Amino acid sequence: MDIALLNVKIVIEKNAVVVDEIGNRKNSWVSYYSCFATVGGEGGKETAVAGITVDDSDISFSIRYCKKVSFINNTEYRVRFDGEIYNVLSVDHMNYKKKSLKLRCQKVRR
């Protein structure tokens, strides 16, 4: 992995239950890990749904492997990059060599 290509900062967020000051519980996204990544595989399509143009962008992020990153899965985590939110579709461990991880993501519709 070429370190010079890790040129964008991403924040990986985890879905967690947060308790407020009066004891109410709610699901919330909290920052889990921040790192630099290589962006690749930008693509996708625009479709018309009920007269509205919807952007279904796919993107992949390659990050360096560490113990904290090894726990990422596609159900509890998402990626925040450049002011946008991306759901993790799949996690590729790159042949389990423990050098890098590739996150394939899709832009969240808001």
Protein backbone atom coordinates (compact mmCIF):
# COMPACT_ATOMS: atom_id res chain seq x y z
CA MET A 1 0.00 0.00 0.00
CA ASP A 2 1.38 3.37 -1.04
CA ILE A 3 1.08 5.75 1.91
CA ALA A 4 1.05 8.82 -0.36
CA LEU A 5 -2.33 7.74 -1.75
CA LEU A 6 -3.97 7.99 1.68
CA ASN A 7 -4.91 11.61 1.07
CA VAL A 8 -8.49 12.06 2.34
CA LYS A 9 -9.70 12.07 5.93
CA ILE A 10 -12.73 9.97 6.82
CA VAL A 11 -14.60 9.38 10.06
CA ILE A 12 -16.07 5.97 10.79
CA GLU A 13 -19.14 6.20 13.00
CA LYS A 14 -20.79 3.50 15.09
CA ASN A 15 -24.45 3.12 15.92
CA ALA A 16 -24.78 3.15 19.70
CA VAL A 17 -27.43 3.58 22.37
CA VAL A 18 -27.01 6.93 24.12
CA VAL A 19 -28.61 7.83 27.47
CA ASP A 20 -29.52 11.48 28.02
CA GLU A 21 -29.55 13.35 31.35
CA ILE A 22 -33.03 12.12 32.36
CA GLY A 23 -32.47 8.47 31.44
CA ASN A 24 -34.06 8.27 27.99
CA ARG A 25 -32.34 5.91 25.61
CA LYS A 26 -32.04 6.49 21.87
CA ASN A 27 -29.92 5.27 18.97
CA SER A 28 -27.28 7.72 17.85
CA TRP A 29 -24.18 7.76 15.66
CA VAL A 30 -20.95 8.36 17.59
CA SER A 31 -17.45 8.79 16.17
CA TYR A 32 -15.59 5.49 16.36
CA TYR A 33 -12.38 5.97 14.36
CA SER A 34 -10.84 8.71 12.23
CA CYS A 35 -8.18 7.96 9.62
CA PHE A 36 -6.84 8.76 6.18
CA ALA A 37 -8.06 6.75 3.20
CA THR A 38 -7.72 6.26 -0.53
CA VAL A 39 -10.93 6.91 -2.44
CA GLY A 40 -11.61 4.66 -5.38
CA GLY A 41 -14.39 3.13 -7.38
CA GLU A 42 -16.57 6.19 -7.55
CA GLY A 43 -19.59 5.34 -9.62
CA GLY A 44 -23.27 4.83 -9.50
CA LYS A 45 -26.32 6.04 -11.30
CA GLU A 46 -29.10 8.54 -11.12
CA THR A 47 -32.64 7.24 -11.27
CA ALA A 48 -36.00 8.95 -11.37
CA VAL A 49 -38.28 7.88 -8.52
CA ALA A 50 -41.71 9.50 -8.31
CA GLY A 51 -40.52 12.45 -10.37
CA ILE A 52 -37.44 13.06 -8.23
CA THR A 53 -33.89 12.38 -9.42
CA VAL A 54 -32.16 10.12 -6.89
CA ASP A 55 -28.37 9.75 -6.70
CA ASP A 56 -27.21 6.17 -5.94
CA SER A 57 -23.46 6.78 -5.74
CA ASP A 58 -21.09 3.92 -4.90
CA ILE A 59 -17.64 4.59 -3.53
CA SER A 60 -14.88 2.56 -1.93
CA PHE A 61 -12.40 3.56 0.76
CA SER A 62 -9.09 1.76 1.34
CA ILE A 63 -7.67 2.24 4.83
CA ARG A 64 -4.72 0.87 6.77
CA TYR A 65 -5.37 -2.13 9.00
CA CYS A 66 -5.33 -1.85 12.78
CA LYS A 67 -6.98 -3.69 15.65
CA LYS A 68 -9.83 -1.16 15.98
CA VAL A 69 -10.65 -1.32 12.25
CA SER A 70 -10.83 -5.11 12.25
CA PHE A 71 -14.19 -4.99 14.07
CA ILE A 72 -15.99 -2.94 11.37
CA ASN A 73 -19.02 -4.60 9.82
CA ASN A 74 -21.81 -3.47 7.51
CA THR A 75 -24.62 -3.40 10.08
CA GLU A 76 -23.30 -1.13 12.84
CA TYR A 77 -20.97 1.29 11.04
CA ARG A 78 -21.07 4.09 8.47
CA VAL A 79 -18.54 6.49 6.94
CA ARG A 80 -18.62 10.30 6.96
CA PHE A 81 -16.58 11.82 4.13
CA ASP A 82 -16.56 15.34 2.68
CA GLY A 83 -19.81 16.31 4.44
CA GLU A 84 -21.68 13.28 3.09
CA ILE A 85 -22.76 10.07 4.83
CA TYR A 86 -22.12 6.63 3.32
CA ASN A 87 -23.55 3.29 4.49
CA VAL A 88 -21.06 0.41 4.49
CA LEU A 89 -22.24 -2.25 2.04
CA SER A 90 -19.34 -4.66 2.44
CA VAL A 91 -15.96 -4.97 4.12
CA ASP A 92 -13.09 -6.58 2.18
CA HIS A 93 -10.19 -7.72 4.36
CA MET A 94 -7.87 -7.96 1.33
CA ASN A 95 -6.98 -11.67 1.69
CA TYR A 96 -6.59 -11.33 5.48
CA LYS A 97 -2.99 -10.10 5.18
CA LYS A 98 -3.65 -7.50 7.91
CA LYS A 99 -2.29 -4.64 5.82
CA SER A 100 -5.38 -2.87 4.54
CA LEU A 101 -9.17 -2.91 4.50
CA LYS A 102 -11.52 -1.86 1.71
CA LEU A 103 -14.96 -0.48 2.58
CA ARG A 104 -17.49 -0.47 -0.26
CA CYS A 105 -20.11 2.15 0.53
CA GLN A 106 -23.26 3.78 -0.84
CA LYS A 107 -24.35 7.37 -0.35
CA VAL A 108 -27.24 7.83 2.08
CA ARG A 109 -30.36 9.49 0.71
CA ARG A 110 -31.62 12.39 2.77
